[in-house]
PDB file of N, CA and C in Angstrom:
ATOM      1  N   UNK A   1     -21.234 -62.423  15.077  1.00  0.00           N
ATOM      2  CA  UNK A   1     -19.850 -62.768  15.342  1.00  0.00           C
ATOM      3  C   UNK A   1     -18.947 -61.924  14.437  1.00  0.00           C
ATOM      4  N   UNK A   2     -17.946 -61.334  15.017  1.00  0.00           N
ATOM      5  CA  UNK A   2     -17.001 -60.520  14.281  1.00  0.00           C
ATOM      6  C   UNK A   2     -15.918 -61.396  13.668  1.00  0.00           C
ATOM      7  N   UNK A   3     -15.564 -61.065  12.436  1.00  0.00           N
ATOM      8  CA  UNK A   3     -14.484 -61.808  11.791  1.00  0.00           C
ATOM      9  C   UNK A   3     -13.150 -61.274  12.290  1.00  0.00           C
ATOM     10  N   UNK A   4     -12.292 -62.173  12.694  1.00  0.00           N
ATOM     11  CA  UNK A   4     -10.954 -61.779  13.150  1.00  0.00           C
ATOM     12  C   UNK A   4     -10.049 -61.522  11.958  1.00  0.00           C
ATOM     13  N   UNK A   5      -9.116 -60.625  12.153  1.00  0.00           N
ATOM     14  CA  UNK A   5      -8.076 -60.364  11.162  1.00  0.00           C
ATOM     15  C   UNK A   5      -6.758 -60.751  11.806  1.00  0.00           C
ATOM     16  N   UNK A   6      -6.096 -61.748  11.238  1.00  0.00           N
ATOM     17  CA  UNK A   6      -4.878 -62.296  11.810  1.00  0.00           C
ATOM     18  C   UNK A   6      -3.696 -61.923  10.917  1.00  0.00           C
ATOM     19  N   UNK A   7      -2.745 -61.177  11.477  1.00  0.00           N
ATOM     20  CA  UNK A   7      -1.526 -60.818  10.769  1.00  0.00           C
ATOM     21  C   UNK A   7      -0.436 -61.807  11.159  1.00  0.00           C
ATOM     22  N   UNK A   8       0.169 -62.431  10.153  1.00  0.00           N
ATOM     23  CA  UNK A   8       1.228 -63.403  10.399  1.00  0.00           C
ATOM     24  C   UNK A   8       2.484 -62.931   9.669  1.00  0.00           C
ATOM     25  N   UNK A   9       3.423 -62.328  10.402  1.00  0.00           N
ATOM     26  CA  UNK A   9       4.683 -61.956   9.747  1.00  0.00           C
ATOM     27  C   UNK A   9       5.517 -63.205   9.499  1.00  0.00           C
ATOM     28  N   UNK A  10       6.240 -63.219   8.389  1.00  0.00           N
ATOM     29  CA  UNK A  10       7.050 -64.387   8.056  1.00  0.00           C
ATOM     30  C   UNK A  10       8.324 -63.970   7.343  1.00  0.00           C
ATOM     31  N   UNK A  11       9.347 -64.763   7.561  1.00  0.00           N
ATOM     32  CA  UNK A  11      10.571 -64.625   6.772  1.00  0.00           C
ATOM     33  C   UNK A  11      10.779 -65.902   5.957  1.00  0.00           C
ATOM     34  N   UNK A  12       9.736 -66.736   5.915  1.00  0.00           N
ATOM     35  CA  UNK A  12       9.692 -68.000   5.178  1.00  0.00           C
ATOM     36  C   UNK A  12      10.654 -69.043   5.734  1.00  0.00           C
ATOM     37  N   UNK A  13      11.081 -68.874   6.968  1.00  0.00           N
ATOM     38  CA  UNK A  13      11.926 -69.882   7.608  1.00  0.00           C
ATOM     39  C   UNK A  13      11.042 -71.025   8.117  1.00  0.00           C
ATOM     40  N   UNK A  14      11.678 -72.078   8.578  1.00  0.00           N
ATOM     41  CA  UNK A  14      10.929 -73.209   9.131  1.00  0.00           C
ATOM     42  C   UNK A  14      10.122 -72.782  10.357  1.00  0.00           C
ATOM     43  N   UNK A  15      10.716 -71.973  11.223  1.00  0.00           N
ATOM     44  CA  UNK A  15       9.996 -71.491  12.404  1.00  0.00           C
ATOM     45  C   UNK A  15       8.791 -70.633  12.016  1.00  0.00           C
ATOM     46  N   UNK A  16       8.959 -69.816  10.990  1.00  0.00           N
ATOM     47  CA  UNK A  16       7.851 -68.979  10.546  1.00  0.00           C
ATOM     48  C   UNK A  16       6.720 -69.837   9.976  1.00  0.00           C
ATOM     49  N   UNK A  17       7.066 -70.900   9.261  1.00  0.00           N
ATOM     50  CA  UNK A  17       6.036 -71.808   8.748  1.00  0.00           C
ATOM     51  C   UNK A  17       5.295 -72.486   9.900  1.00  0.00           C
ATOM     52  N   UNK A  18       6.023 -72.831  10.941  1.00  0.00           N
ATOM     53  CA  UNK A  18       5.373 -73.403  12.125  1.00  0.00           C
ATOM     54  C   UNK A  18       4.392 -72.409  12.733  1.00  0.00           C
ATOM     55  N   UNK A  19       4.746 -71.143  12.746  1.00  0.00           N
ATOM     56  CA  UNK A  19       3.866 -70.111  13.291  1.00  0.00           C
ATOM     57  C   UNK A  19       2.591 -69.978  12.453  1.00  0.00           C
ATOM     58  N   UNK A  20       2.723 -70.084  11.138  1.00  0.00           N
ATOM     59  CA  UNK A  20       1.550 -70.022  10.271  1.00  0.00           C
ATOM     60  C   UNK A  20       0.610 -71.185  10.562  1.00  0.00           C
ATOM     61  N   UNK A  21       1.164 -72.392  10.641  1.00  0.00           N
ATOM     62  CA  UNK A  21       0.347 -73.568  10.952  1.00  0.00           C
ATOM     63  C   UNK A  21      -0.309 -73.426  12.330  1.00  0.00           C
ATOM     64  N   UNK A  22       0.427 -72.915  13.301  1.00  0.00           N
ATOM     65  CA  UNK A  22      -0.102 -72.734  14.651  1.00  0.00           C
ATOM     66  C   UNK A  22      -1.273 -71.755  14.642  1.00  0.00           C
ATOM     67  N   UNK A  23      -1.121 -70.630  13.953  1.00  0.00           N
ATOM     68  CA  UNK A  23      -2.184 -69.617  13.901  1.00  0.00           C
ATOM     69  C   UNK A  23      -3.447 -70.195  13.264  1.00  0.00           C
ATOM     70  N   UNK A  24      -3.260 -70.972  12.213  1.00  0.00           N
ATOM     71  CA  UNK A  24      -4.416 -71.557  11.539  1.00  0.00           C
ATOM     72  C   UNK A  24      -5.128 -72.554  12.446  1.00  0.00           C
ATOM     73  N   UNK A  25      -4.371 -73.367  13.146  1.00  0.00           N
ATOM     74  CA  UNK A  25      -4.977 -74.329  14.075  1.00  0.00           C
ATOM     75  C   UNK A  25      -5.637 -73.614  15.254  1.00  0.00           C
ATOM     76  N   UNK A  26      -5.008 -72.551  15.740  1.00  0.00           N
ATOM     77  CA  UNK A  26      -5.534 -71.821  16.893  1.00  0.00           C
ATOM     78  C   UNK A  26      -6.901 -71.205  16.599  1.00  0.00           C
ATOM     79  N   UNK A  27      -7.090 -70.727  15.395  1.00  0.00           N
ATOM     80  CA  UNK A  27      -8.332 -70.042  15.041  1.00  0.00           C
ATOM     81  C   UNK A  27      -9.191 -70.834  14.057  1.00  0.00           C
ATOM     82  N   UNK A  28      -9.024 -72.150  14.008  1.00  0.00           N
ATOM     83  CA  UNK A  28      -9.717 -72.942  13.000  1.00  0.00           C
ATOM     84  C   UNK A  28     -11.235 -72.956  13.158  1.00  0.00           C
ATOM     85  N   UNK A  29     -11.752 -72.655  14.331  1.00  0.00           N
ATOM     86  CA  UNK A  29     -13.198 -72.658  14.532  1.00  0.00           C
ATOM     87  C   UNK A  29     -13.798 -71.257  14.489  1.00  0.00           C
ATOM     88  N   UNK A  30     -13.005 -70.296  14.068  1.00  0.00           N
ATOM     89  CA  UNK A  30     -13.489 -68.925  13.966  1.00  0.00           C
ATOM     90  C   UNK A  30     -13.334 -68.428  12.537  1.00  0.00           C
ATOM     91  N   UNK A  31     -14.196 -67.495  12.162  1.00  0.00           N
ATOM     92  CA  UNK A  31     -14.054 -66.880  10.848  1.00  0.00           C
ATOM     93  C   UNK A  31     -12.907 -65.882  10.923  1.00  0.00           C
ATOM     94  N   UNK A  32     -11.942 -66.057  10.053  1.00  0.00           N
ATOM     95  CA  UNK A  32     -10.744 -65.211  10.086  1.00  0.00           C
ATOM     96  C   UNK A  32     -10.297 -64.842   8.681  1.00  0.00           C
ATOM     97  N   UNK A  33      -9.739 -63.674   8.586  1.00  0.00           N
ATOM     98  CA  UNK A  33      -8.965 -63.283   7.416  1.00  0.00           C
ATOM     99  C   UNK A  33      -7.509 -63.330   7.850  1.00  0.00           C
ATOM    100  N   UNK A  34      -6.704 -64.058   7.100  1.00  0.00           N
ATOM    101  CA  UNK A  34      -5.279 -64.158   7.407  1.00  0.00           C
ATOM    102  C   UNK A  34      -4.509 -63.242   6.464  1.00  0.00           C
ATOM    103  N   UNK A  35      -3.598 -62.475   7.030  1.00  0.00           N
ATOM    104  CA  UNK A  35      -2.729 -61.603   6.257  1.00  0.00           C
ATOM    105  C   UNK A  35      -1.297 -62.038   6.515  1.00  0.00           C
ATOM    106  N   UNK A  36      -0.622 -62.452   5.463  1.00  0.00           N
ATOM    107  CA  UNK A  36       0.761 -62.884   5.598  1.00  0.00           C
ATOM    108  C   UNK A  36       1.653 -61.750   5.113  1.00  0.00           C
ATOM    109  N   UNK A  37       2.551 -61.317   5.985  1.00  0.00           N
ATOM    110  CA  UNK A  37       3.442 -60.206   5.667  1.00  0.00           C
ATOM    111  C   UNK A  37       4.879 -60.706   5.672  1.00  0.00           C
ATOM    112  N   UNK A  38       5.567 -60.496   4.564  1.00  0.00           N
ATOM    113  CA  UNK A  38       6.967 -60.889   4.482  1.00  0.00           C
ATOM    114  C   UNK A  38       7.800 -59.848   5.238  1.00  0.00           C
ATOM    115  N   UNK A  39       8.415 -60.287   6.318  1.00  0.00           N
ATOM    116  CA  UNK A  39       9.253 -59.413   7.142  1.00  0.00           C
ATOM    117  C   UNK A  39      10.699 -59.877   7.019  1.00  0.00           C
ATOM    118  N   UNK A  40      11.570 -58.974   6.673  1.00  0.00           N
ATOM    119  CA  UNK A  40      12.971 -59.328   6.507  1.00  0.00           C
ATOM    120  C   UNK A  40      13.836 -58.105   6.763  1.00  0.00           C
ATOM    121  N   UNK A  41      15.100 -58.343   6.934  1.00  0.00           N
ATOM    122  CA  UNK A  41      16.052 -57.263   7.150  1.00  0.00           C
ATOM    123  C   UNK A  41      16.959 -57.176   5.931  1.00  0.00           C
ATOM    124  N   UNK A  42      17.049 -55.985   5.388  1.00  0.00           N
ATOM    125  CA  UNK A  42      17.966 -55.773   4.266  1.00  0.00           C
ATOM    126  C   UNK A  42      19.406 -55.821   4.749  1.00  0.00           C
ATOM    127  N   UNK A  43      20.239 -56.482   3.998  1.00  0.00           N
ATOM    128  CA  UNK A  43      21.669 -56.501   4.285  1.00  0.00           C
ATOM    129  C   UNK A  43      22.423 -55.543   3.370  1.00  0.00           C
ATOM    130  N   UNK A  44      21.698 -54.726   2.643  1.00  0.00           N
ATOM    131  CA  UNK A  44      22.345 -53.893   1.631  1.00  0.00           C
ATOM    132  C   UNK A  44      23.226 -52.809   2.223  1.00  0.00           C
ATOM    133  N   UNK A  45      22.985 -52.424   3.456  1.00  0.00           N
ATOM    134  CA  UNK A  45      23.781 -51.355   4.043  1.00  0.00           C
ATOM    135  C   UNK A  45      25.007 -51.885   4.780  1.00  0.00           C
ATOM    136  N   UNK A  46      25.161 -53.194   4.797  1.00  0.00           N
ATOM    137  CA  UNK A  46      26.327 -53.787   5.448  1.00  0.00           C
ATOM    138  C   UNK A  46      27.587 -53.547   4.632  1.00  0.00           C
ATOM    139  N   UNK A  47      27.423 -53.359   3.329  1.00  0.00           N
ATOM    140  CA  UNK A  47      28.547 -53.109   2.442  1.00  0.00           C
ATOM    141  C   UNK A  47      28.975 -51.654   2.573  1.00  0.00           C
ATOM    142  N   UNK A  48      30.248 -51.417   2.676  1.00  0.00           N
ATOM    143  CA  UNK A  48      30.733 -50.054   2.852  1.00  0.00           C
ATOM    144  C   UNK A  48      30.679 -49.249   1.559  1.00  0.00           C
ATOM    145  N   UNK A  49      30.613 -49.946   0.432  1.00  0.00           N
ATOM    146  CA  UNK A  49      30.506 -49.244  -0.846  1.00  0.00           C
ATOM    147  C   UNK A  49      29.109 -48.641  -0.972  1.00  0.00           C
ATOM    148  N   UNK A  50      29.059 -47.502  -1.604  1.00  0.00           N
ATOM    149  CA  UNK A  50      27.756 -46.901  -1.853  1.00  0.00           C
ATOM    150  C   UNK A  50      27.040 -47.667  -2.947  1.00  0.00           C
ATOM    151  N   UNK A  51      25.769 -47.868  -2.755  1.00  0.00           N
ATOM    152  CA  UNK A  51      24.993 -48.586  -3.749  1.00  0.00           C
ATOM    153  C   UNK A  51      24.453 -47.619  -4.791  1.00  0.00           C
ATOM    154  N   UNK A  52      24.502 -48.053  -5.995  1.00  0.00           N
ATOM    155  CA  UNK A  52      23.901 -47.261  -7.050  1.00  0.00           C
ATOM    156  C   UNK A  52      22.404 -47.552  -7.082  1.00  0.00           C
ATOM    157  N   UNK A  53      21.644 -46.670  -7.675  1.00  0.00           N
ATOM    158  CA  UNK A  53      20.197 -46.826  -7.752  1.00  0.00           C
ATOM    159  C   UNK A  53      19.825 -48.142  -8.420  1.00  0.00           C
ATOM    160  N   UNK A  54      20.545 -48.510  -9.487  1.00  0.00           N
ATOM    161  CA  UNK A  54      20.243 -49.743 -10.198  1.00  0.00           C
ATOM    162  C   UNK A  54      20.448 -50.971  -9.311  1.00  0.00           C
ATOM    163  N   UNK A  55      21.463 -50.931  -8.488  1.00  0.00           N
ATOM    164  CA  UNK A  55      21.742 -52.050  -7.593  1.00  0.00           C
ATOM    165  C   UNK A  55      20.617 -52.213  -6.582  1.00  0.00           C
ATOM    166  N   UNK A  56      20.186 -51.129  -5.986  1.00  0.00           N
ATOM    167  CA  UNK A  56      19.091 -51.164  -5.020  1.00  0.00           C
ATOM    168  C   UNK A  56      17.811 -51.668  -5.689  1.00  0.00           C
ATOM    169  N   UNK A  57      17.540 -51.217  -6.897  1.00  0.00           N
ATOM    170  CA  UNK A  57      16.352 -51.677  -7.615  1.00  0.00           C
ATOM    171  C   UNK A  57      16.437 -53.167  -7.919  1.00  0.00           C
ATOM    172  N   UNK A  58      17.616 -53.667  -8.242  1.00  0.00           N
ATOM    173  CA  UNK A  58      17.801 -55.088  -8.519  1.00  0.00           C
ATOM    174  C   UNK A  58      17.571 -55.917  -7.245  1.00  0.00           C
ATOM    175  N   UNK A  59      18.091 -55.453  -6.142  1.00  0.00           N
ATOM    176  CA  UNK A  59      17.880 -56.152  -4.864  1.00  0.00           C
ATOM    177  C   UNK A  59      16.397 -56.183  -4.522  1.00  0.00           C
ATOM    178  N   UNK A  60      15.722 -55.066  -4.706  1.00  0.00           N
ATOM    179  CA  UNK A  60      14.286 -54.985  -4.437  1.00  0.00           C
ATOM    180  C   UNK A  60      13.514 -55.941  -5.340  1.00  0.00           C
ATOM    181  N   UNK A  61      13.871 -56.004  -6.617  1.00  0.00           N
ATOM    182  CA  UNK A  61      13.198 -56.889  -7.565  1.00  0.00           C
ATOM    183  C   UNK A  61      13.390 -58.357  -7.179  1.00  0.00           C
ATOM    184  N   UNK A  62      14.631 -58.732  -6.853  1.00  0.00           N
ATOM    185  CA  UNK A  62      14.911 -60.126  -6.469  1.00  0.00           C
ATOM    186  C   UNK A  62      14.179 -60.500  -5.188  1.00  0.00           C
ATOM    187  N   UNK A  63      14.148 -59.601  -4.217  1.00  0.00           N
ATOM    188  CA  UNK A  63      13.446 -59.867  -2.962  1.00  0.00           C
ATOM    189  C   UNK A  63      11.957 -60.054  -3.207  1.00  0.00           C
ATOM    190  N   UNK A  64      11.400 -59.228  -4.056  1.00  0.00           N
ATOM    191  CA  UNK A  64       9.981 -59.341  -4.392  1.00  0.00           C
ATOM    192  C   UNK A  64       9.677 -60.668  -5.082  1.00  0.00           C
ATOM    193  N   UNK A  65      10.509 -61.064  -6.025  1.00  0.00           N
ATOM    194  CA  UNK A  65      10.317 -62.341  -6.712  1.00  0.00           C
ATOM    195  C   UNK A  65      10.395 -63.514  -5.741  1.00  0.00           C
ATOM    196  N   UNK A  66      11.369 -63.462  -4.833  1.00  0.00           N
ATOM    197  CA  UNK A  66      11.517 -64.540  -3.848  1.00  0.00           C
ATOM    198  C   UNK A  66      10.292 -64.594  -2.940  1.00  0.00           C
ATOM    199  N   UNK A  67       9.801 -63.434  -2.525  1.00  0.00           N
ATOM    200  CA  UNK A  67       8.622 -63.384  -1.659  1.00  0.00           C
ATOM    201  C   UNK A  67       7.417 -64.022  -2.341  1.00  0.00           C
ATOM    202  N   UNK A  68       7.194 -63.680  -3.608  1.00  0.00           N
ATOM    203  CA  UNK A  68       6.064 -64.251  -4.336  1.00  0.00           C
ATOM    204  C   UNK A  68       6.208 -65.759  -4.500  1.00  0.00           C
ATOM    205  N   UNK A  69       7.415 -66.221  -4.750  1.00  0.00           N
ATOM    206  CA  UNK A  69       7.657 -67.662  -4.887  1.00  0.00           C
ATOM    207  C   UNK A  69       7.346 -68.383  -3.576  1.00  0.00           C
ATOM    208  N   UNK A  70       7.865 -67.849  -2.470  1.00  0.00           N
ATOM    209  CA  UNK A  70       7.646 -68.473  -1.163  1.00  0.00           C
ATOM    210  C   UNK A  70       6.173 -68.421  -0.765  1.00  0.00           C
ATOM    211  N   UNK A  71       5.489 -67.329  -1.093  1.00  0.00           N
ATOM    212  CA  UNK A  71       4.063 -67.232  -0.798  1.00  0.00           C
ATOM    213  C   UNK A  71       3.296 -68.290  -1.577  1.00  0.00           C
ATOM    214  N   UNK A  72       3.690 -68.527  -2.819  1.00  0.00           N
ATOM    215  CA  UNK A  72       3.063 -69.578  -3.616  1.00  0.00           C
ATOM    216  C   UNK A  72       3.210 -70.946  -2.962  1.00  0.00           C
ATOM    217  N   UNK A  73       4.365 -71.193  -2.375  1.00  0.00           N
ATOM    218  CA  UNK A  73       4.591 -72.458  -1.670  1.00  0.00           C
ATOM    219  C   UNK A  73       3.649 -72.574  -0.475  1.00  0.00           C
ATOM    220  N   UNK A  74       3.507 -71.482   0.267  1.00  0.00           N
ATOM    221  CA  UNK A  74       2.599 -71.479   1.420  1.00  0.00           C
ATOM    222  C   UNK A  74       1.174 -71.760   0.965  1.00  0.00           C
ATOM    223  N   UNK A  75       0.753 -71.119  -0.105  1.00  0.00           N
ATOM    224  CA  UNK A  75      -0.614 -71.309  -0.590  1.00  0.00           C
ATOM    225  C   UNK A  75      -0.863 -72.744  -1.043  1.00  0.00           C
ATOM    226  N   UNK A  76       0.152 -73.412  -1.573  1.00  0.00           N
ATOM    227  CA  UNK A  76       0.000 -74.808  -1.965  1.00  0.00           C
ATOM    228  C   UNK A  76      -0.045 -75.723  -0.754  1.00  0.00           C
ATOM    229  N   UNK A  77       0.697 -75.366   0.296  1.00  0.00           N
ATOM    230  CA  UNK A  77       0.729 -76.190   1.510  1.00  0.00           C
ATOM    231  C   UNK A  77      -0.573 -76.085   2.292  1.00  0.00           C
ATOM    232  N   UNK A  78      -1.183 -74.927   2.261  1.00  0.00           N
ATOM    233  CA  UNK A  78      -2.366 -74.688   3.076  1.00  0.00           C
ATOM    234  C   UNK A  78      -3.494 -74.164   2.192  1.00  0.00           C
ATOM    235  N   UNK A  79      -3.915 -74.935   1.198  1.00  0.00           N
ATOM    236  CA  UNK A  79      -4.903 -74.430   0.240  1.00  0.00           C
ATOM    237  C   UNK A  79      -6.294 -74.208   0.835  1.00  0.00           C
ATOM    238  N   UNK A  80      -6.652 -74.962   1.858  1.00  0.00           N
ATOM    239  CA  UNK A  80      -7.988 -74.846   2.409  1.00  0.00           C
ATOM    240  C   UNK A  80      -8.199 -73.536   3.154  1.00  0.00           C
ATOM    241  N   UNK A  81      -7.148 -72.870   3.517  1.00  0.00           N
ATOM    242  CA  UNK A  81      -7.275 -71.620   4.255  1.00  0.00           C
ATOM    243  C   UNK A  81      -7.515 -70.460   3.308  1.00  0.00           C
ATOM    244  N   UNK A  82      -6.836 -70.487   2.176  1.00  0.00           N
ATOM    245  CA  UNK A  82      -6.890 -69.354   1.284  1.00  0.00           C
ATOM    246  C   UNK A  82      -7.772 -69.696   0.123  1.00  0.00           C
TER     247      UNK A  82
END
């Protein structure tokens, strides 16, 4: 039996959490590796002002921290999967 690889994109919204739960239930009787990918749209280019390098780096750092925090929440909610 081949192990499935399941990619689950998420923006950590309620609908995305429902999709994660659905995927886990759908494949619960199969051996699977789950890959959770944080998918989001940057709003940094909506501002007409030019961004400095430091500003872009700060936005990237904050987004990364938020992603790790939200992933930790997912791992606590669904510990038996991971």
